Amino acid sequence: MKRMHVNLAVQDLDASIAFYAKLFGSPPSVVKPDYAKWMLDDPRVNFALSARGRVPGIDHLGIQVEDEAELAEVQARLAAADGPVLAEGATTCCYAKSEKSWITDPQGVAWEAFLTHGESTTYGDGEQGEKPRLARAPAISCCACAMSEVTIFHNPACETSRNTLAMIRNAGIEPAIIEYLKTPPGRAEILAIVAAAGLTLRQALREKGTPFAELGLGDPALGDDALLDAIAAHPILLNRPFVVTALGTRLCRPSERVLDILPASQQAPFSKEDGTRVGDAP
């Protein structure tokens, strides 16, 4: 069964714990020097307080799930919503190890869908952001509060991926770079990224330079579960580069497809590594 998640940024953690302990009729189940959490059953809520130097108020909301099937269900809802989905994958946040994705609602409030796998001895947030999470761009990451508005799932060995990254930087943007062969996204995150790009999972597979043929992945009888198993074992099978921005998600092949979703224009003339000129610049 799913559980609602509310995370409040507070200034005085001790005073806030005292207040909510009386409101909920129970002490928090987790207390850290900068964090407290209640896992309530009536109402069914994961309610958390974070004293991390952010502006007091709602930091973010979310839906916590209990298994991979529920996570995939909620991820599909995120993908169907009107906004880009940031698939964060496995991460440490709020003293917990989780697999999660993010979306921002029309008011700018960040929502996460997450499956918790275990506890962590660290909060997972290396920065002390001053702004509330609700003021951030859609490409937001829990506990990575200064994350770029543009995220690229990058393979530095791929010329197309390198050209895409260069065009992002030529627009004056330094993106969040996820080298997905080193830190591959989870199954639910892959489905969310692919759906947000308007593709089927099969359309997102890469054949060249991968074990696609060896694994018999051309068999149309294979469903998404089998394809996800193959990608999990061989992340190179996921085509590249996927780019997520506030304007959408694209598999940028050819690389100039990234220009459709960048929030800024090219700042200078740009040529690909093979010398092909792309777009116009002042």
C-alpha atoms as a PDB file:
ATOM      1  CA  MET A   1       0.000   0.000   0.000  1.00  0.00           C
ATOM      2  CA  LYS A   2       1.295   3.418  -0.930  1.00  0.00           C
ATOM      3  CA  ARG A   3       2.022   6.142   1.592  1.00  0.00           C
ATOM      4  CA  MET A   4       1.855   9.929   1.232  1.00  0.00           C
ATOM      5  CA  HIS A   5       5.119  11.757   1.925  1.00  0.00           C
ATOM      6  CA  VAL A   6       5.451  15.313   3.212  1.00  0.00           C
ATOM      7  CA  ASN A   7       8.812  16.980   3.830  1.00  0.00           C
ATOM      8  CA  LEU A   8       8.889  20.317   5.661  1.00  0.00           C
ATOM      9  CA  ALA A   9      11.925  22.556   5.894  1.00  0.00           C
ATOM     10  CA  VAL A  10      12.157  24.004   9.421  1.00  0.00           C
ATOM     11  CA  GLN A  11      14.401  26.414  11.297  1.00  0.00           C
ATOM     12  CA  ASP A  12      13.992  25.118  14.855  1.00  0.00           C
ATOM     13  CA  LEU A  13      13.999  21.329  14.743  1.00  0.00           C
ATOM     14  CA  ASP A  14      13.480  20.790  18.479  1.00  0.00           C
ATOM     15  CA  ALA A  15      10.470  23.104  18.618  1.00  0.00           C
ATOM     16  CA  SER A  16       9.022  21.506  15.481  1.00  0.00           C
ATOM     17  CA  ILE A  17       9.444  17.991  16.887  1.00  0.00           C
ATOM     18  CA  ALA A  18       7.659  19.038  20.078  1.00  0.00           C
ATOM     19  CA  PHE A  19       4.784  20.558  18.103  1.00  0.00           C
ATOM     20  CA  TYR A  20       4.233  17.646  15.734  1.00  0.00           C
ATOM     21  CA  ALA A  21       4.678  15.025  18.448  1.00  0.00           C
ATOM     22  CA  LYS A  22       1.657  16.576  20.170  1.00  0.00           C
ATOM     23  CA  LEU A  23      -0.257  16.958  16.904  1.00  0.00           C
ATOM     24  CA  PHE A  24       0.307  13.334  15.882  1.00  0.00           C
ATOM     25  CA  GLY A  25       0.106  11.922  19.407  1.00  0.00           C
ATOM     26  CA  SER A  26       3.432  10.100  19.084  1.00  0.00           C
ATOM     27  CA  PRO A  27       7.158  10.828  18.971  1.00  0.00           C
ATOM     28  CA  PRO A  28       9.058  10.608  15.681  1.00  0.00           C
ATOM     29  CA  SER A  29      10.371   7.203  14.642  1.00  0.00           C
ATOM     30  CA  VAL A  30      13.659   8.702  13.432  1.00  0.00           C
ATOM     31  CA  VAL A  31      15.529  11.626  14.997  1.00  0.00           C
ATOM     32  CA  LYS A  32      18.850  13.002  13.742  1.00  0.00           C
ATOM     33  CA  PRO A  33      20.611  16.314  14.486  1.00  0.00           C
ATOM     34  CA  ASP A  34      19.060  17.839  11.328  1.00  0.00           C
ATOM     35  CA  TYR A  35      16.115  15.555  10.620  1.00  0.00           C
ATOM     36  CA  ALA A  36      13.057  13.845  12.096  1.00  0.00           C
ATOM     37  CA  LYS A  37      10.484  11.475  10.623  1.00  0.00           C
ATOM     38  CA  TRP A  38       7.103  10.014  11.562  1.00  0.00           C
ATOM     39  CA  MET A  39       5.758   6.917   9.806  1.00  0.00           C
ATOM     40  CA  LEU A  40       2.074   7.336  10.573  1.00  0.00           C
ATOM     41  CA  ASP A  41      -0.644   4.779   9.852  1.00  0.00           C
ATOM     42  CA  ASP A  42      -3.619   7.044  10.570  1.00  0.00           C
ATOM     43  CA  PRO A  43      -3.343   9.025   8.388  1.00  0.00           C
ATOM     44  CA  ARG A  44      -0.931   6.909   6.330  1.00  0.00           C
ATOM     45  CA  VAL A  45       1.858   9.459   5.927  1.00  0.00           C
ATOM     46  CA  ASN A  46       5.639   9.589   5.901  1.00  0.00           C
ATOM     47  CA  PHE A  47       6.039  13.010   7.519  1.00  0.00           C
ATOM     48  CA  ALA A  48       9.553  14.458   7.714  1.00  0.00           C
ATOM     49  CA  LEU A  49      11.225  17.583   9.066  1.00  0.00           C
ATOM     50  CA  SER A  50      14.543  18.796   7.641  1.00  0.00           C
ATOM     51  CA  ALA A  51      16.662  21.504   9.244  1.00  0.00           C
ATOM     52  CA  ARG A  52      19.129  22.013   6.411  1.00  0.00           C
ATOM     53  CA  GLY A  53      19.149  25.803   6.059  1.00  0.00           C
ATOM     54  CA  ARG A  54      16.342  26.050   3.513  1.00  0.00           C
ATOM     55  CA  VAL A  55      13.486  28.512   3.636  1.00  0.00           C
ATOM     56  CA  PRO A  56      10.834  27.134   6.027  1.00  0.00           C
ATOM     57  CA  GLY A  57       7.780  25.571   4.441  1.00  0.00           C
ATOM     58  CA  ILE A  58       6.935  22.678   2.145  1.00  0.00           C
ATOM     59  CA  ASP A  59      10.176  21.373   0.691  1.00  0.00           C
ATOM     60  CA  HIS A  60       8.628  18.602  -1.379  1.00  0.00           C
ATOM     61  CA  LEU A  61       5.811  16.051  -1.482  1.00  0.00           C
ATOM     62  CA  GLY A  62       5.835  12.463  -2.599  1.00  0.00           C
ATOM     63  CA  ILE A  63       4.380   8.987  -2.847  1.00  0.00           C
ATOM     64  CA  GLN A  64       6.270   6.192  -1.113  1.00  0.00           C
ATOM     65  CA  VAL A  65       5.702   2.669  -2.423  1.00  0.00           C
ATOM     66  CA  GLU A  66       6.382  -0.767  -0.983  1.00  0.00           C
ATOM     67  CA  ASP A  67       7.665  -2.732  -3.982  1.00  0.00           C
ATOM     68  CA  GLU A  68       8.936  -2.481  -7.561  1.00  0.00           C
ATOM     69  CA  ALA A  69       5.486  -3.095  -9.031  1.00  0.00           C
ATOM     70  CA  GLU A  70       3.992  -0.128  -7.174  1.00  0.00           C
ATOM     71  CA  LEU A  71       6.987   2.008  -8.138  1.00  0.00           C
ATOM     72  CA  ALA A  72       6.528   1.173 -11.817  1.00  0.00           C
ATOM     73  CA  GLU A  73       2.821   2.038 -11.509  1.00  0.00           C
ATOM     74  CA  VAL A  74       3.520   5.458 -10.006  1.00  0.00           C
ATOM     75  CA  GLN A  75       6.382   6.090 -12.444  1.00  0.00           C
ATOM     76  CA  ALA A  76       3.955   5.486 -15.302  1.00  0.00           C
ATOM     77  CA  ARG A  77       1.633   8.112 -13.804  1.00  0.00           C
ATOM     78  CA  LEU A  78       4.518  10.572 -13.616  1.00  0.00           C
ATOM     79  CA  ALA A  79       5.353   9.914 -17.239  1.00  0.00           C
ATOM     80  CA  ALA A  80       1.724  10.559 -18.206  1.00  0.00           C
ATOM     81  CA  ALA A  81       1.624  13.873 -16.341  1.00  0.00           C
ATOM     82  CA  ASP A  82       2.280  17.166 -18.110  1.00  0.00           C
ATOM     83  CA  GLY A  83       5.939  17.708 -17.300  1.00  0.00           C
ATOM     84  CA  PRO A  84       9.423  16.211 -17.647  1.00  0.00           C
ATOM     85  CA  VAL A  85      10.400  13.436 -15.269  1.00  0.00           C
ATOM     86  CA  LEU A  86      13.829  13.331 -13.681  1.00  0.00           C
ATOM     87  CA  ALA A  87      14.828   9.724 -13.062  1.00  0.00           C
ATOM     88  CA  GLU A  88      17.285   9.956 -10.200  1.00  0.00           C
ATOM     89  CA  GLY A  89      17.729   6.206  -9.752  1.00  0.00           C
ATOM     90  CA  ALA A  90      19.394   4.778  -6.687  1.00  0.00           C
ATOM     91  CA  THR A  91      20.289   7.529  -4.234  1.00  0.00           C
ATOM     92  CA  THR A  92      20.843   8.365  -0.591  1.00  0.00           C
ATOM     93  CA  CYS A  93      18.459  10.963   0.773  1.00  0.00           C
ATOM     94  CA  CYS A  94      17.075  11.808   4.196  1.00  0.00           C
ATOM     95  CA  TYR A  95      19.076   9.053   5.914  1.00  0.00           C
ATOM     96  CA  ALA A  96      17.612   6.416   3.593  1.00  0.00           C
ATOM     97  CA  LYS A  97      18.690   4.517   0.501  1.00  0.00           C
ATOM     98  CA  SER A  98      16.015   4.774  -2.159  1.00  0.00           C
ATOM     99  CA  GLU A  99      15.200   4.504  -5.833  1.00  0.00           C
ATOM    100  CA  LYS A 100      13.282   7.562  -6.978  1.00  0.00           C
ATOM    101  CA  SER A 101      12.130   9.939  -9.679  1.00  0.00           C
ATOM    102  CA  TRP A 102      10.891  13.531  -9.624  1.00  0.00           C
ATOM    103  CA  ILE A 103       8.376  15.771 -11.338  1.00  0.00           C
ATOM    104  CA  THR A 104       7.235  19.341 -10.648  1.00  0.00           C
ATOM    105  CA  ASP A 105       3.569  20.346 -10.608  1.00  0.00           C
ATOM    106  CA  PRO A 106       2.183  23.512 -12.323  1.00  0.00           C
ATOM    107  CA  GLN A 107       2.769  25.521  -9.128  1.00  0.00           C
ATOM    108  CA  GLY A 108       6.422  24.502  -9.000  1.00  0.00           C
ATOM    109  CA  VAL A 109       6.017  22.023  -6.124  1.00  0.00           C
ATOM    110  CA  ALA A 110       8.353  19.032  -6.460  1.00  0.00           C
ATOM    111  CA  TRP A 111       6.879  15.539  -6.151  1.00  0.00           C
ATOM    112  CA  GLU A 112       8.887  12.356  -5.780  1.00  0.00           C
ATOM    113  CA  ALA A 113       7.970   8.714  -6.259  1.00  0.00           C
ATOM    114  CA  PHE A 114      10.287   6.453  -4.299  1.00  0.00           C
ATOM    115  CA  LEU A 115      10.972   2.972  -2.993  1.00  0.00           C
ATOM    116  CA  THR A 116      13.128   2.792   0.142  1.00  0.00           C
ATOM    117  CA  HIS A 117      15.600  -0.084   0.373  1.00  0.00           C
ATOM    118  CA  GLY A 118      17.284   0.645   3.694  1.00  0.00           C
ATOM    119  CA  GLU A 119      18.750   3.155   6.111  1.00  0.00           C
ATOM    120  CA  SER A 120      21.832   5.345   5.704  1.00  0.00           C
ATOM    121  CA  THR A 121      24.153   6.870   8.282  1.00  0.00           C
ATOM    122  CA  THR A 122      24.367  10.094   6.243  1.00  0.00           C
ATOM    123  CA  TYR A 123      21.654  12.516   5.187  1.00  0.00           C
ATOM    124  CA  GLY A 124      22.735  12.420   1.553  1.00  0.00           C
ATOM    125  CA  ASP A 125      22.674  16.175   0.982  1.00  0.00           C
ATOM    126  CA  GLY A 126      26.050  17.878   0.632  1.00  0.00           C
ATOM    127  CA  GLU A 127      24.686  21.403   0.280  1.00  0.00           C
ATOM    128  CA  GLN A 128      22.852  23.881   2.460  1.00  0.00           C
ATOM    129  CA  GLY A 129      20.397  25.410  -0.006  1.00  0.00           C
ATOM    130  CA  GLU A 130      18.535  28.583   0.955  1.00  0.00           C
ATOM    131  CA  LYS A 131      15.594  28.224  -1.438  1.00  0.00           C
ATOM    132  CA  PRO A 132      12.636  25.939  -0.847  1.00  0.00           C
ATOM    133  CA  ARG A 133      12.417  22.995  -3.204  1.00  0.00           C
ATOM    134  CA  LEU A 134       9.078  24.218  -4.506  1.00  0.00           C
ATOM    135  CA  ALA A 135      10.846  27.159  -6.185  1.00  0.00           C
ATOM    136  CA  ARG A 136      13.117  24.929  -8.227  1.00  0.00           C
ATOM    137  CA  ALA A 137      12.988  23.865 -11.841  1.00  0.00           C
ATOM    138  CA  PRO A 138      11.395  20.555 -12.872  1.00  0.00           C
ATOM    139  CA  ALA A 139      14.756  18.803 -13.237  1.00  0.00           C
ATOM    140  CA  ILE A 140      15.090  18.671  -9.467  1.00  0.00           C
ATOM    141  CA  SER A 141      16.792  16.096  -7.337  1.00  0.00           C
ATOM    142  CA  CYS A 142      16.058  15.402  -3.691  1.00  0.00           C
ATOM    143  CA  CYS A 143      18.969  16.513  -1.560  1.00  0.00           C
ATOM    144  CA  ALA A 144      20.867  17.790  -4.593  1.00  0.00           C
ATOM    145  CA  CYS A 145      19.200  21.142  -4.344  1.00  0.00           C
ATOM    146  CA  ALA A 146      21.429  22.955  -6.828  1.00  0.00           C
ATOM    147  CA  MET A 147      21.018  20.398  -9.605  1.00  0.00           C
ATOM    148  CA  SER A 148      21.086  21.790 -13.126  1.00  0.00           C
ATOM    149  CA  GLU A 149      17.910  22.453 -15.084  1.00  0.00           C
ATOM    150  CA  VAL A 150      19.310  20.110 -17.747  1.00  0.00           C
ATOM    151  CA  THR A 151      20.316  16.495 -17.222  1.00  0.00           C
ATOM    152  CA  ILE A 152      22.098  14.317 -19.777  1.00  0.00           C
ATOM    153  CA  PHE A 153      22.468  10.542 -19.589  1.00  0.00           C
ATOM    154  CA  HIS A 154      25.895  10.485 -21.179  1.00  0.00           C
ATOM    155  CA  ASN A 155      28.402   8.062 -22.636  1.00  0.00           C
ATOM    156  CA  PRO A 156      31.695   9.916 -23.140  1.00  0.00           C
ATOM    157  CA  ALA A 157      32.827   7.264 -25.643  1.00  0.00           C
ATOM    158  CA  CYS A 158      29.934   8.138 -27.981  1.00  0.00           C
ATOM    159  CA  GLU A 159      30.437  10.921 -30.534  1.00  0.00           C
ATOM    160  CA  THR A 160      26.726  11.716 -30.653  1.00  0.00           C
ATOM    161  CA  SER A 161      26.619  12.013 -26.874  1.00  0.00           C
ATOM    162  CA  ARG A 162      29.719  14.233 -26.869  1.00  0.00           C
ATOM    163  CA  ASN A 163      28.205  16.486 -29.542  1.00  0.00           C
ATOM    164  CA  THR A 164      24.974  16.759 -27.558  1.00  0.00           C
ATOM    165  CA  LEU A 165      26.833  17.711 -24.402  1.00  0.00           C
ATOM    166  CA  ALA A 166      28.852  20.286 -26.343  1.00  0.00           C
ATOM    167  CA  MET A 167      25.660  21.893 -27.698  1.00  0.00           C
ATOM    168  CA  ILE A 168      24.204  22.103 -24.203  1.00  0.00           C
ATOM    169  CA  ARG A 169      27.343  23.860 -23.020  1.00  0.00           C
ATOM    170  CA  ASN A 170      27.316  26.089 -26.115  1.00  0.00           C
ATOM    171  CA  ALA A 171      23.953  27.373 -24.847  1.00  0.00           C
ATOM    172  CA  GLY A 172      25.662  28.522 -21.656  1.00  0.00           C
ATOM    173  CA  ILE A 173      24.336  25.614 -19.598  1.00  0.00           C
ATOM    174  CA  GLU A 174      26.379  23.263 -17.457  1.00  0.00           C
ATOM    175  CA  PRO A 175      24.181  20.178 -17.170  1.00  0.00           C
ATOM    176  CA  ALA A 176      24.016  17.435 -14.607  1.00  0.00           C
ATOM    177  CA  ILE A 177      25.948  14.619 -16.278  1.00  0.00           C
ATOM    178  CA  ILE A 178      24.969  11.056 -15.470  1.00  0.00           C
ATOM    179  CA  GLU A 179      27.372   8.524 -16.969  1.00  0.00           C
ATOM    180  CA  TYR A 180      24.738   5.829 -17.102  1.00  0.00           C
ATOM    181  CA  LEU A 181      27.176   3.005 -17.790  1.00  0.00           C
ATOM    182  CA  LYS A 182      28.728   3.678 -14.384  1.00  0.00           C
ATOM    183  CA  THR A 183      25.519   4.584 -12.533  1.00  0.00           C
ATOM    184  CA  PRO A 184      22.643   3.090 -14.526  1.00  0.00           C
ATOM    185  CA  PRO A 185      19.079   4.153 -13.705  1.00  0.00           C
ATOM    186  CA  GLY A 186      16.711   1.638 -12.145  1.00  0.00           C
ATOM    187  CA  ARG A 187      14.028  -0.247 -14.026  1.00  0.00           C
ATOM    188  CA  ALA A 188      11.228   2.160 -13.128  1.00  0.00           C
ATOM    189  CA  GLU A 189      13.423   5.152 -13.968  1.00  0.00           C
ATOM    190  CA  ILE A 190      14.259   3.708 -17.382  1.00  0.00           C
ATOM    191  CA  LEU A 191      10.567   3.265 -18.122  1.00  0.00           C
ATOM    192  CA  ALA A 192       9.842   6.839 -17.004  1.00  0.00           C
ATOM    193  CA  ILE A 193      12.627   8.366 -19.126  1.00  0.00           C
ATOM    194  CA  VAL A 194      11.636   6.390 -22.201  1.00  0.00           C
ATOM    195  CA  ALA A 195       7.926   7.198 -21.804  1.00  0.00           C
ATOM    196  CA  ALA A 196       8.672  10.903 -21.288  1.00  0.00           C
ATOM    197  CA  ALA A 197      10.602  10.840 -24.571  1.00  0.00           C
ATOM    198  CA  GLY A 198       7.561   9.396 -26.336  1.00  0.00           C
ATOM    199  CA  LEU A 199       9.229   6.059 -27.073  1.00  0.00           C
ATOM    200  CA  THR A 200       8.589   2.414 -26.355  1.00  0.00           C
ATOM    201  CA  LEU A 201      11.278   0.510 -24.488  1.00  0.00           C
ATOM    202  CA  ARG A 202      12.133  -1.418 -27.644  1.00  0.00           C
ATOM    203  CA  GLN A 203      12.615   1.848 -29.545  1.00  0.00           C
ATOM    204  CA  ALA A 204      15.105   2.948 -26.890  1.00  0.00           C
ATOM    205  CA  LEU A 205      17.350  -0.088 -27.362  1.00  0.00           C
ATOM    206  CA  ARG A 206      20.734   0.216 -29.052  1.00  0.00           C
ATOM    207  CA  GLU A 207      21.897  -2.501 -31.425  1.00  0.00           C
ATOM    208  CA  LYS A 208      25.300  -1.320 -32.690  1.00  0.00           C
ATOM    209  CA  GLY A 209      28.185  -2.179 -30.401  1.00  0.00           C
ATOM    210  CA  THR A 210      25.972  -4.046 -27.923  1.00  0.00           C
ATOM    211  CA  PRO A 211      25.014  -7.682 -27.236  1.00  0.00           C
ATOM    212  CA  PHE A 212      21.585  -7.027 -28.813  1.00  0.00           C
ATOM    213  CA  ALA A 213      21.867  -9.791 -31.433  1.00  0.00           C
ATOM    214  CA  GLU A 214      23.705 -12.197 -29.148  1.00  0.00           C
ATOM    215  CA  LEU A 215      20.885 -11.950 -26.590  1.00  0.00           C
ATOM    216  CA  GLY A 216      18.200 -12.389 -29.239  1.00  0.00           C
ATOM    217  CA  LEU A 217      16.559  -9.086 -28.350  1.00  0.00           C
ATOM    218  CA  GLY A 218      15.173  -8.701 -31.867  1.00  0.00           C
ATOM    219  CA  ASP A 219      12.532 -11.279 -30.982  1.00  0.00           C
ATOM    220  CA  PRO A 220       9.236  -9.302 -30.966  1.00  0.00           C
ATOM    221  CA  ALA A 221       7.779 -11.796 -28.485  1.00  0.00           C
ATOM    222  CA  LEU A 222      10.049 -10.432 -25.751  1.00  0.00           C
ATOM    223  CA  GLY A 223       8.182  -8.066 -23.428  1.00  0.00           C
ATOM    224  CA  ASP A 224       9.405  -5.101 -21.421  1.00  0.00           C
ATOM    225  CA  ASP A 225      10.377  -7.254 -18.433  1.00  0.00           C
ATOM    226  CA  ALA A 226      12.815  -9.254 -20.550  1.00  0.00           C
ATOM    227  CA  LEU A 227      14.190  -6.103 -22.157  1.00  0.00           C
ATOM    228  CA  LEU A 228      14.649  -4.458 -18.751  1.00  0.00           C
ATOM    229  CA  ASP A 229      16.483  -7.544 -17.503  1.00  0.00           C
ATOM    230  CA  ALA A 230      18.835  -7.251 -20.461  1.00  0.00           C
ATOM    231  CA  ILE A 231      19.439  -3.533 -19.895  1.00  0.00           C
ATOM    232  CA  ALA A 232      20.084  -4.134 -16.191  1.00  0.00           C
ATOM    233  CA  ALA A 233      22.754  -6.685 -17.087  1.00  0.00           C
ATOM    234  CA  HIS A 234      24.123  -4.637 -20.007  1.00  0.00           C
ATOM    235  CA  PRO A 235      23.420  -0.880 -19.614  1.00  0.00           C
ATOM    236  CA  ILE A 236      25.063  -0.264 -23.003  1.00  0.00           C
ATOM    237  CA  LEU A 237      21.799  -1.547 -24.508  1.00  0.00           C
ATOM    238  CA  LEU A 238      20.076   1.713 -23.509  1.00  0.00           C
ATOM    239  CA  ASN A 239      20.545   4.136 -26.368  1.00  0.00           C
ATOM    240  CA  ARG A 240      22.120   7.535 -25.751  1.00  0.00           C
ATOM    241  CA  PRO A 241      22.043  10.312 -24.978  1.00  0.00           C
ATOM    242  CA  PHE A 242      18.742  10.982 -23.251  1.00  0.00           C
ATOM    243  CA  VAL A 243      18.389  14.633 -22.169  1.00  0.00           C
ATOM    244  CA  VAL A 244      15.831  15.912 -19.644  1.00  0.00           C
ATOM    245  CA  THR A 245      14.952  19.622 -19.375  1.00  0.00           C
ATOM    246  CA  ALA A 246      11.997  21.737 -18.280  1.00  0.00           C
ATOM    247  CA  LEU A 247      10.854  21.701 -21.907  1.00  0.00           C
ATOM    248  CA  GLY A 248      10.820  17.950 -22.352  1.00  0.00           C
ATOM    249  CA  THR A 249      12.787  14.734 -22.664  1.00  0.00           C
ATOM    250  CA  ARG A 250      14.507  13.583 -25.859  1.00  0.00           C
ATOM    251  CA  LEU A 251      16.662  10.767 -27.119  1.00  0.00           C
ATOM    252  CA  CYS A 252      19.064  13.071 -28.933  1.00  0.00           C
ATOM    253  CA  ARG A 253      19.854  11.126 -32.056  1.00  0.00           C
ATOM    254  CA  PRO A 254      20.826  13.058 -34.072  1.00  0.00           C
ATOM    255  CA  SER A 255      22.449  15.279 -31.463  1.00  0.00           C
ATOM    256  CA  GLU A 256      20.781  18.472 -32.722  1.00  0.00           C
ATOM    257  CA  ARG A 257      17.451  17.195 -31.375  1.00  0.00           C
ATOM    258  CA  VAL A 258      18.615  18.629 -28.057  1.00  0.00           C
ATOM    259  CA  LEU A 259      18.065  22.136 -29.462  1.00  0.00           C
ATOM    260  CA  ASP A 260      14.280  21.571 -29.305  1.00  0.00           C
ATOM    261  CA  ILE A 261      14.306  21.320 -25.504  1.00  0.00           C
ATOM    262  CA  LEU A 262      17.101  23.636 -24.398  1.00  0.00           C
ATOM    263  CA  PRO A 263      15.919  26.688 -22.423  1.00  0.00           C
ATOM    264  CA  ALA A 264      18.541  28.878 -24.118  1.00  0.00           C
ATOM    265  CA  SER A 265      19.834  29.435 -27.649  1.00  0.00           C
ATOM    266  CA  GLN A 266      23.307  28.638 -28.923  1.00  0.00           C
ATOM    267  CA  GLN A 267      25.684  31.395 -27.926  1.00  0.00           C
ATOM    268  CA  ALA A 268      28.243  30.883 -30.701  1.00  0.00           C
ATOM    269  CA  PRO A 269      28.537  29.091 -34.042  1.00  0.00           C
ATOM    270  CA  PHE A 270      28.724  25.354 -33.468  1.00  0.00           C
ATOM    271  CA  SER A 271      30.131  22.480 -35.480  1.00  0.00           C
ATOM    272  CA  LYS A 272      30.027  18.803 -34.620  1.00  0.00           C
ATOM    273  CA  GLU A 273      33.175  16.758 -34.252  1.00  0.00           C
ATOM    274  CA  ASP A 274      32.900  15.758 -37.941  1.00  0.00           C
ATOM    275  CA  GLY A 275      32.746  19.439 -38.953  1.00  0.00           C
ATOM    276  CA  THR A 276      28.984  19.588 -39.657  1.00  0.00           C
ATOM    277  CA  ARG A 277      27.596  23.020 -38.845  1.00  0.00           C
ATOM    278  CA  VAL A 278      24.509  22.982 -36.613  1.00  0.00           C
ATOM    279  CA  GLY A 279      21.928  25.750 -36.233  1.00  0.00           C
ATOM    280  CA  ASP A 280      22.440  29.464 -36.177  1.00  0.00           C
ATOM    281  CA  ALA A 281      24.052  31.619 -33.520  1.00  0.00           C
ATOM    282  CA  PRO A 282      24.524  35.366 -33.159  1.00  0.00           C
END
